Amino acid sequence: MVTGMGFCLPGLDEPVRSAEDLWAIASQGQSCLTSDGIYHSSVQVPREGFGKYVPGIPETFSKHFTKAHWFGLVSLAGAAADAGLDVLAGDLREAAVLVGRGSVDANVESYLRALNADAATITPADALDLYVGAEQAASPSDVAVVQSALARSTGPCFTAAAGCASSAVQLGTAFMMITTGVADLAVVSGVDVFNAGLVRKAQQLLRVAQRSAADAPDGTVPPELPSFDRPMRPYDRRAECVNFGEGAATLVLESREHAARRSGVSYGRILSFAMTRDGLAHPLASDESGAGLVAAVRRCLGGRWDVEDVPYIHGASDGDAMVTAFECNAIRELYGPAAAKLLMTSQEACFGHNGAPAGALGVALTLLMMQRGEVCPTANCEEPAEELPFDPVPGTRTRLLDIPLALNFTYQIGGVKNVILLGRP
């Protein structure tokens, strides 16, 4: 059962931290993307301001926290409070602390500072600062370490790196831990930071590569260049780019018995999950047929549920034409003519494509829609692409729909397809 959710995502004025904040943005199809030469979104909080959201952390450690640390701590503290759990009182002491990470952008600065330090001339105080900073931030498991320290956790704690599917993978891990009795309480976070300067440099490099594409091996240079100088538009006929964001999303998962003992309230249930890979030799490729996604959905549903009983899917289109292509082909195969009645939306353009948080964020959004009986529109989708077999709910208003079951999709570069089946409380 999902009993709590917390976030640290870009907002219009203040960061999105609660379920209410999230719904206020997503239900109206609002976009928090900004442009300073490229479209992206960032959490606008001064470094020293994060402490008001997560008090009580010794400055010895907190002064070395990266944005990834703070994002993960803010979202975890918010999710625990939403679930009625007191972190400082030890309510998460026995919880599994599971984190998904895709990007290492936040780790590079601390890594380079320590690597380039001159041990012969540095002062002892500066050396200690660099040491603590590197120990806390030079590894992709850094967020899990600081989260478990905040919770004083004695339970399992580890990080999964599966790109944009990372937190979805960890939700599956938590599901298995709870259903097999390994744990009865877990907090699952997805956290990523994308350096805007790196995005700009990547576009420059791609433009150089494209000029000599004729001499490159087949498939090594994208046929179309991604553009970051315009807003992303999932499922829109003008979709041609992806905009990156940053932030974190955390969900609290409990066994039914654990939640009942403390009168915890459930947003909904994770019923099943599955993951497949397209099986292609190219590590950056994806099969446009959608066969891998179809296989993941059928494996997730098993022999217990029918796809016809799923009226809503939270898609993972980020504006990339290839993603939309394999989603469309998969939906046609799964639903046939009935696909025309299916509502399938994406809120990627609300906060930007934020990588590892995508799975946890998608589950949170889907559960809120199921709870309210309203489907959020696809943000920035105004003119749906003609090839869509499903209804993407364009515009800025929700659509009423009774949702007993829903699917949540997330993907990783390299053909990974992750599917989670959700049910009401």
Protein backbone atom coordinates (compact mmCIF):
# COMPACT_ATOMS: atom_id res chain seq x y z
CA MET A 1 0.00 0.00 0.00
CA VAL A 2 1.20 3.52 -0.80
CA THR A 3 0.54 5.58 2.32
CA GLY A 4 2.66 8.69 1.78
CA MET A 5 4.12 10.83 -0.96
CA GLY A 6 6.52 13.74 -0.91
CA PHE A 7 8.38 15.71 -3.56
CA CYS A 8 11.01 18.29 -4.26
CA LEU A 9 10.17 19.40 -7.79
CA PRO A 10 10.22 22.66 -9.74
CA GLY A 11 7.17 24.82 -9.09
CA LEU A 12 5.77 28.08 -10.40
CA ASP A 13 6.65 30.09 -7.27
CA GLU A 14 7.63 27.57 -4.59
CA PRO A 15 8.92 24.01 -4.98
CA VAL A 16 6.30 21.28 -5.34
CA ARG A 17 6.52 19.29 -2.09
CA SER A 18 3.10 17.79 -1.37
CA ALA A 19 0.37 15.83 -3.12
CA GLU A 20 -1.76 18.99 -3.12
CA ASP A 21 1.06 20.99 -4.76
CA LEU A 22 1.49 18.26 -7.36
CA TRP A 23 -2.22 18.10 -8.19
CA ALA A 24 -2.48 21.89 -8.50
CA ILE A 25 0.12 21.83 -11.30
CA ALA A 26 -0.70 18.56 -13.07
CA SER A 27 -4.50 18.88 -13.03
CA GLN A 28 -4.27 22.10 -15.03
CA GLY A 29 -1.54 20.93 -17.40
CA GLN A 30 0.72 23.72 -16.21
CA SER A 31 4.38 23.73 -17.18
CA CYS A 32 7.17 24.84 -14.86
CA LEU A 33 9.70 24.86 -17.69
CA THR A 34 11.76 28.02 -18.07
CA SER A 35 14.14 29.15 -20.79
CA ASP A 36 17.57 30.77 -20.61
CA GLY A 37 18.70 29.66 -24.05
CA ILE A 38 17.46 26.12 -23.43
CA TYR A 39 14.18 24.97 -21.92
CA HIS A 40 14.62 23.20 -18.59
CA SER A 41 13.27 23.31 -15.04
CA SER A 42 15.04 23.62 -11.71
CA VAL A 43 14.11 23.73 -8.04
CA GLN A 44 14.42 27.37 -7.00
CA VAL A 45 15.54 27.25 -3.38
CA PRO A 46 18.70 28.93 -2.04
CA ARG A 47 21.14 26.34 -0.76
CA GLU A 48 20.74 27.56 2.82
CA GLY A 49 16.93 27.47 2.48
CA PHE A 50 16.63 23.69 2.34
CA GLY A 51 17.26 23.44 6.07
CA LYS A 52 13.81 24.82 6.84
CA TYR A 53 12.26 21.77 5.16
CA VAL A 54 14.58 19.25 6.86
CA PRO A 55 15.72 20.62 10.23
CA GLY A 56 18.14 19.06 12.68
CA ILE A 57 20.97 17.97 10.36
CA PRO A 58 24.48 18.77 11.72
CA GLU A 59 26.22 21.45 9.66
CA THR A 60 29.35 19.28 9.55
CA PHE A 61 27.50 17.19 6.99
CA SER A 62 24.84 19.50 5.58
CA LYS A 63 27.31 22.13 4.36
CA HIS A 64 28.68 19.52 1.97
CA PHE A 65 25.31 18.34 0.65
CA THR A 66 24.74 18.56 -3.08
CA LYS A 67 21.38 19.45 -4.59
CA ALA A 68 20.71 15.73 -5.00
CA HIS A 69 21.12 15.21 -1.24
CA TRP A 70 18.73 18.03 -0.41
CA PHE A 71 16.15 16.97 -2.99
CA GLY A 72 16.13 13.44 -1.60
CA LEU A 73 15.91 14.59 2.01
CA VAL A 74 13.11 17.08 1.36
CA SER A 75 11.02 14.54 -0.54
CA LEU A 76 11.60 11.82 2.07
CA ALA A 77 10.69 14.13 4.97
CA GLY A 78 7.54 15.21 3.11
CA ALA A 79 6.49 11.66 2.29
CA ALA A 80 6.98 10.51 5.88
CA ALA A 81 4.96 13.42 7.24
CA ASP A 82 2.23 12.75 4.67
CA ALA A 83 2.07 9.14 5.88
CA GLY A 84 1.87 10.25 9.51
CA LEU A 85 5.37 8.99 10.31
CA ASP A 86 7.78 11.03 12.45
CA VAL A 87 11.30 10.67 11.07
CA LEU A 88 13.02 12.29 14.05
CA ALA A 89 11.06 10.10 16.47
CA GLY A 90 12.40 6.97 14.77
CA ASP A 91 9.30 5.86 12.85
CA LEU A 92 11.48 4.93 9.86
CA ARG A 93 14.17 3.17 11.90
CA GLU A 94 13.29 -0.29 10.55
CA ALA A 95 12.28 0.87 7.07
CA ALA A 96 14.00 -0.17 3.87
CA VAL A 97 15.49 2.96 2.29
CA LEU A 98 15.62 2.45 -1.49
CA VAL A 99 16.83 5.07 -3.96
CA GLY A 100 16.91 5.24 -7.74
CA ARG A 101 19.54 7.36 -9.49
CA GLY A 102 20.25 7.91 -13.17
CA SER A 103 22.45 10.97 -13.51
CA VAL A 104 25.76 11.55 -11.71
CA ASP A 105 25.88 15.26 -12.53
CA ALA A 106 25.59 16.24 -8.86
CA ASN A 107 28.52 13.97 -7.91
CA VAL A 108 31.08 15.29 -10.38
CA GLU A 109 31.90 18.59 -8.67
CA SER A 110 32.75 16.98 -5.31
CA TYR A 111 34.70 14.26 -7.07
CA LEU A 112 36.82 16.73 -9.04
CA ARG A 113 37.46 18.98 -6.03
CA ALA A 114 38.93 16.07 -4.10
CA LEU A 115 40.82 14.69 -7.11
CA ASN A 116 42.48 18.01 -7.91
CA ALA A 117 43.36 18.98 -4.32
CA ASP A 118 47.06 19.42 -3.51
CA ALA A 119 47.71 17.38 -0.37
CA ALA A 120 51.08 19.12 0.10
CA THR A 121 49.62 22.62 0.50
CA ILE A 122 46.02 22.21 1.68
CA THR A 123 45.15 23.18 5.27
CA PRO A 124 43.86 20.50 7.66
CA ALA A 125 40.43 22.22 7.85
CA ASP A 126 40.10 22.37 4.06
CA ALA A 127 41.30 18.78 3.78
CA LEU A 128 38.59 17.64 6.20
CA ASP A 129 35.95 19.54 4.23
CA LEU A 130 37.05 17.96 0.96
CA TYR A 131 37.20 14.51 2.54
CA VAL A 132 33.69 14.72 4.03
CA GLY A 133 32.33 16.19 0.80
CA ALA A 134 33.86 13.44 -1.32
CA GLU A 135 32.73 10.66 1.01
CA GLN A 136 29.17 11.99 0.93
CA ALA A 137 28.89 12.91 -2.73
CA ALA A 138 31.34 11.04 -4.94
CA SER A 139 29.19 7.90 -5.26
CA PRO A 140 25.79 7.38 -6.93
CA SER A 141 24.65 5.79 -3.65
CA ASP A 142 25.09 9.15 -1.88
CA VAL A 143 21.39 10.02 -1.51
CA ALA A 144 20.53 6.67 0.07
CA VAL A 145 23.31 7.15 2.62
CA VAL A 146 22.12 10.59 3.78
CA GLN A 147 18.46 9.51 3.78
CA SER A 148 19.20 6.48 5.93
CA ALA A 149 21.21 8.67 8.32
CA LEU A 150 18.25 11.04 8.70
CA ALA A 151 15.94 8.08 9.39
CA ARG A 152 18.52 6.32 11.63
CA SER A 153 17.53 3.30 9.57
CA THR A 154 18.66 -0.19 10.51
CA GLY A 155 16.89 -1.75 7.53
CA PRO A 156 18.04 -2.48 3.96
CA CYS A 157 19.48 0.53 2.15
CA PHE A 158 20.77 0.59 -1.42
CA THR A 159 20.62 2.36 -4.76
CA ALA A 160 19.51 1.10 -8.16
CA ALA A 161 20.74 2.78 -11.33
CA ALA A 162 18.47 2.04 -14.26
CA GLY A 163 18.30 5.47 -15.86
CA CYS A 164 14.82 6.94 -16.04
CA ALA A 165 13.34 3.64 -14.79
CA SER A 166 15.39 3.71 -11.57
CA SER A 167 12.68 4.58 -9.03
CA ALA A 168 10.21 2.29 -10.84
CA VAL A 169 12.70 -0.55 -10.41
CA GLN A 170 12.98 0.27 -6.70
CA LEU A 171 9.20 0.29 -6.33
CA GLY A 172 9.28 -3.25 -7.67
CA THR A 173 12.03 -4.11 -5.19
CA ALA A 174 9.97 -2.69 -2.31
CA PHE A 175 6.93 -4.62 -3.54
CA MET A 176 8.92 -7.86 -3.45
CA MET A 177 10.39 -7.09 -0.02
CA ILE A 178 6.97 -6.43 1.47
CA THR A 179 5.13 -9.33 -0.17
CA THR A 180 7.85 -11.80 0.85
CA GLY A 181 8.13 -10.54 4.42
CA VAL A 182 11.64 -9.07 4.15
CA ALA A 183 10.27 -5.67 5.22
CA ASP A 184 6.88 -4.24 6.08
CA LEU A 185 7.80 -0.58 5.52
CA ALA A 186 9.85 1.01 2.73
CA VAL A 187 10.58 4.50 1.47
CA VAL A 188 11.39 4.68 -2.24
CA SER A 189 12.92 7.79 -3.82
CA GLY A 190 13.97 8.79 -7.29
CA VAL A 191 16.47 11.66 -7.38
CA ASP A 192 18.32 13.28 -10.26
CA VAL A 193 20.05 16.51 -11.17
CA PHE A 194 20.85 17.49 -14.74
CA ASN A 195 23.53 20.12 -15.35
CA ALA A 196 22.18 22.68 -17.82
CA GLY A 197 25.70 23.38 -19.06
CA LEU A 198 26.15 19.71 -19.93
CA VAL A 199 22.87 19.75 -21.87
CA ARG A 200 24.11 22.72 -23.89
CA LYS A 201 27.45 21.03 -24.54
CA ALA A 202 25.71 17.79 -25.60
CA GLN A 203 23.71 19.69 -28.20
CA GLN A 204 26.87 21.32 -29.54
CA LEU A 205 28.58 17.94 -29.82
CA LEU A 206 25.60 16.44 -31.62
CA ARG A 207 25.65 19.25 -34.15
CA VAL A 208 29.32 18.55 -34.85
CA ALA A 209 28.59 14.83 -35.15
CA GLN A 210 25.67 15.41 -37.49
CA ARG A 211 27.89 17.27 -39.94
CA SER A 212 29.92 14.12 -40.47
CA ALA A 213 27.10 11.61 -40.07
CA ALA A 214 27.64 10.25 -43.57
CA ASP A 215 31.01 8.84 -42.48
CA ALA A 216 29.75 7.33 -39.21
CA PRO A 217 28.69 3.69 -38.71
CA ASP A 218 24.96 3.08 -39.09
CA GLY A 219 22.94 3.94 -36.04
CA THR A 220 25.67 5.79 -34.12
CA VAL A 221 24.45 9.31 -34.96
CA PRO A 222 20.78 10.23 -34.37
CA PRO A 223 19.01 11.00 -37.68
CA GLU A 224 17.36 14.01 -36.04
CA LEU A 225 19.00 16.32 -33.55
CA PRO A 226 17.26 16.87 -30.22
CA SER A 227 16.42 20.52 -29.70
CA PHE A 228 16.32 22.17 -26.30
CA ASP A 229 15.45 25.64 -27.56
CA ARG A 230 11.70 24.93 -27.65
CA PRO A 231 9.26 23.39 -25.15
CA MET A 232 8.62 19.64 -25.08
CA ARG A 233 5.16 18.54 -26.27
CA PRO A 234 4.39 14.87 -25.56
CA TYR A 235 1.75 13.34 -27.88
CA ASP A 236 1.47 16.62 -29.83
CA ARG A 237 1.93 16.65 -33.60
CA ARG A 238 4.75 19.20 -33.07
CA ALA A 239 6.63 16.98 -30.59
CA GLU A 240 10.31 17.08 -31.46
CA CYS A 241 12.32 17.56 -28.31
CA VAL A 242 12.92 16.71 -24.67
CA ASN A 243 13.48 19.27 -21.90
CA PHE A 244 15.27 18.19 -18.75
CA GLY A 245 14.32 18.90 -15.17
CA GLU A 246 15.60 18.04 -11.73
CA GLY A 247 14.20 17.01 -8.39
CA ALA A 248 12.98 14.08 -6.34
CA ALA A 249 9.87 12.03 -5.62
CA THR A 250 9.44 9.71 -2.64
CA LEU A 251 6.71 7.18 -1.84
CA VAL A 252 6.07 5.35 1.44
CA LEU A 253 5.05 1.70 0.96
CA GLU A 254 3.67 -0.48 3.73
CA SER A 255 2.18 -3.90 4.16
CA ARG A 256 -1.54 -3.84 4.84
CA GLU A 257 -0.92 -5.13 8.38
CA HIS A 258 1.70 -2.48 9.20
CA ALA A 259 -0.54 0.32 7.97
CA ALA A 260 -3.53 -1.06 9.88
CA ARG A 261 -1.60 -1.23 13.16
CA ARG A 262 -0.99 2.50 13.05
CA SER A 263 -4.23 3.48 11.25
CA GLY A 264 -2.33 4.56 8.14
CA VAL A 265 -4.40 5.78 5.20
CA SER A 266 -3.70 4.38 1.73
CA TYR A 267 -3.63 6.25 -1.58
CA GLY A 268 -3.81 2.92 -3.39
CA ARG A 269 -2.03 -0.35 -4.00
CA ILE A 270 0.78 -1.66 -6.14
CA LEU A 271 -0.65 -4.91 -7.45
CA SER A 272 2.04 -6.15 -9.81
CA PHE A 273 5.06 -5.07 -11.84
CA ALA A 274 7.21 -6.34 -14.69
CA MET A 275 10.22 -5.25 -16.67
CA THR A 276 11.59 -6.29 -20.06
CA ARG A 277 14.32 -5.19 -22.46
CA ASP A 278 14.11 -5.04 -26.24
CA GLY A 279 17.17 -7.27 -26.65
CA LEU A 280 18.92 -5.08 -29.19
CA ALA A 281 22.69 -4.98 -29.64
CA HIS A 282 22.92 -1.18 -29.75
CA PRO A 283 22.98 0.12 -26.13
CA LEU A 284 21.18 3.34 -27.09
CA ALA A 285 18.56 1.80 -29.37
CA SER A 286 14.89 1.04 -28.88
CA ASP A 287 12.54 -1.21 -30.83
CA GLU A 288 9.79 0.92 -32.35
CA SER A 289 7.50 -2.10 -32.71
CA GLY A 290 6.60 -1.89 -29.02
CA ALA A 291 6.98 -5.67 -28.61
CA GLY A 292 8.98 -5.28 -25.41
CA LEU A 293 6.33 -3.04 -23.87
CA VAL A 294 3.56 -5.44 -24.88
CA ALA A 295 5.47 -8.31 -23.24
CA ALA A 296 5.95 -6.26 -20.05
CA VAL A 297 2.26 -5.39 -19.84
CA ARG A 298 1.16 -9.00 -20.37
CA ARG A 299 3.67 -10.24 -17.82
CA CYS A 300 2.47 -7.62 -15.34
CA LEU A 301 -1.19 -8.52 -15.79
CA GLY A 302 -0.50 -12.26 -15.80
CA GLY A 303 -3.60 -14.42 -15.81
CA ARG A 304 -5.33 -12.40 -13.10
CA TRP A 305 -6.24 -9.13 -14.82
CA ASP A 306 -7.43 -8.24 -18.32
CA VAL A 307 -6.12 -5.21 -20.17
CA GLU A 308 -9.70 -4.33 -21.12
CA ASP A 309 -10.32 -3.57 -17.44
CA VAL A 310 -7.60 -0.87 -17.45
CA PRO A 311 -9.19 2.38 -18.69
CA TYR A 312 -6.20 4.61 -17.97
CA ILE A 313 -2.44 4.43 -18.55
CA HIS A 314 0.12 6.92 -17.35
CA GLY A 315 2.48 7.04 -20.32
CA ALA A 316 6.13 8.04 -20.32
CA SER A 317 6.32 10.06 -23.51
CA ASP A 318 8.81 12.88 -23.11
CA GLY A 319 8.35 14.36 -26.56
CA ASP A 320 10.72 11.90 -28.23
CA ALA A 321 9.18 10.60 -31.46
CA MET A 322 10.61 7.11 -30.94
CA VAL A 323 9.02 6.79 -27.50
CA THR A 324 5.63 7.83 -28.88
CA ALA A 325 6.04 5.38 -31.77
CA PHE A 326 6.60 2.27 -29.64
CA GLU A 327 3.89 3.33 -27.19
CA CYS A 328 1.39 3.69 -30.04
CA ASN A 329 2.30 0.34 -31.54
CA ALA A 330 2.07 -1.38 -28.16
CA ILE A 331 -1.36 0.12 -27.40
CA ARG A 332 -2.70 -0.98 -30.80
CA GLU A 333 -1.48 -4.52 -30.13
CA LEU A 334 -2.85 -4.63 -26.59
CA TYR A 335 -6.22 -2.94 -27.03
CA GLY A 336 -7.08 -3.28 -30.70
CA PRO A 337 -10.07 -1.11 -31.75
CA ALA A 338 -10.87 -0.45 -28.06
CA ALA A 339 -7.76 1.76 -27.85
CA ALA A 340 -9.86 4.70 -29.05
CA LYS A 341 -11.57 4.78 -25.64
CA LEU A 342 -8.34 4.50 -23.65
CA LEU A 343 -7.11 7.62 -21.87
CA MET A 344 -3.30 7.78 -21.80
CA THR A 345 -1.55 10.93 -20.62
CA SER A 346 1.89 12.23 -19.68
CA GLN A 347 2.80 15.06 -17.31
CA GLU A 348 6.48 15.11 -18.28
CA ALA A 349 6.19 18.71 -19.52
CA CYS A 350 4.99 19.90 -16.11
CA PHE A 351 8.42 19.55 -14.52
CA GLY A 352 10.70 18.51 -17.37
CA HIS A 353 12.09 15.03 -17.98
CA ASN A 354 13.61 14.43 -14.55
CA GLY A 355 15.11 10.97 -15.02
CA ALA A 356 15.10 8.67 -11.98
CA PRO A 357 12.08 10.29 -10.25
CA ALA A 358 9.86 9.48 -13.25
CA GLY A 359 8.60 6.11 -11.97
CA ALA A 360 7.71 7.25 -8.45
CA LEU A 361 6.26 10.50 -9.79
CA GLY A 362 4.15 8.64 -12.35
CA VAL A 363 2.78 6.28 -9.70
CA ALA A 364 1.98 9.22 -7.42
CA LEU A 365 0.15 11.09 -10.17
CA THR A 366 -1.78 7.98 -11.22
CA LEU A 367 -2.89 7.23 -7.66
CA LEU A 368 -4.10 10.82 -7.23
CA MET A 369 -6.10 10.52 -10.45
CA MET A 370 -7.62 7.22 -9.30
CA GLN A 371 -8.49 8.73 -5.93
CA ARG A 372 -10.21 11.75 -7.47
CA GLY A 373 -11.74 10.06 -10.51
CA GLU A 374 -10.11 12.62 -12.79
CA VAL A 375 -7.43 12.20 -15.45
CA CYS A 376 -4.86 14.98 -15.71
CA PRO A 377 -4.31 16.38 -19.21
CA THR A 378 -1.09 15.81 -21.11
CA ALA A 379 0.88 18.97 -20.38
CA ASN A 380 1.79 21.05 -23.45
CA CYS A 381 -0.30 18.83 -25.73
CA GLU A 382 -2.59 21.11 -27.73
CA GLU A 383 -2.76 19.42 -31.14
CA PRO A 384 -2.68 15.62 -30.71
CA ALA A 385 -0.66 13.70 -33.28
CA GLU A 386 -2.83 11.96 -35.86
CA GLU A 387 -1.19 8.55 -35.35
CA LEU A 388 -2.22 8.24 -31.69
CA PRO A 389 -4.60 5.28 -31.18
CA PHE A 390 -5.56 6.59 -27.71
CA ASP A 391 -6.94 9.82 -26.24
CA PRO A 392 -4.10 11.93 -24.72
CA VAL A 393 -6.53 14.38 -23.03
CA PRO A 394 -5.15 17.55 -24.63
CA GLY A 395 -5.66 20.99 -23.14
CA THR A 396 -5.61 22.16 -19.55
CA ARG A 397 -8.59 20.46 -17.90
CA THR A 398 -9.04 17.09 -16.25
CA ARG A 399 -11.36 14.43 -17.67
CA LEU A 400 -13.75 12.54 -15.37
CA LEU A 401 -13.12 8.79 -15.35
CA ASP A 402 -13.76 5.92 -12.96
CA ILE A 403 -10.37 4.16 -12.65
CA PRO A 404 -10.43 0.82 -10.81
CA LEU A 405 -7.10 -0.24 -12.34
CA ALA A 406 -4.31 1.72 -14.03
CA LEU A 407 -0.91 1.05 -15.55
CA ASN A 408 2.20 3.18 -15.16
CA PHE A 409 4.97 3.02 -17.80
CA THR A 410 8.62 4.07 -17.45
CA TYR A 411 11.58 3.41 -19.73
CA GLN A 412 15.37 3.45 -19.81
CA ILE A 413 17.62 4.11 -22.79
CA GLY A 414 18.62 0.74 -24.16
CA GLY A 415 15.12 -0.64 -24.53
CA VAL A 416 14.06 -1.17 -20.89
CA LYS A 417 10.28 -1.15 -20.38
CA ASN A 418 8.94 -1.04 -16.81
CA VAL A 419 5.23 -1.54 -16.09
CA ILE A 420 3.43 -1.19 -12.74
CA LEU A 421 -0.22 -2.13 -12.15
CA LEU A 422 -2.05 0.03 -9.62
CA GLY A 423 -5.35 -0.49 -7.79
CA ARG A 424 -7.50 1.61 -5.49
CA PRO A 425 -7.30 1.18 -1.70
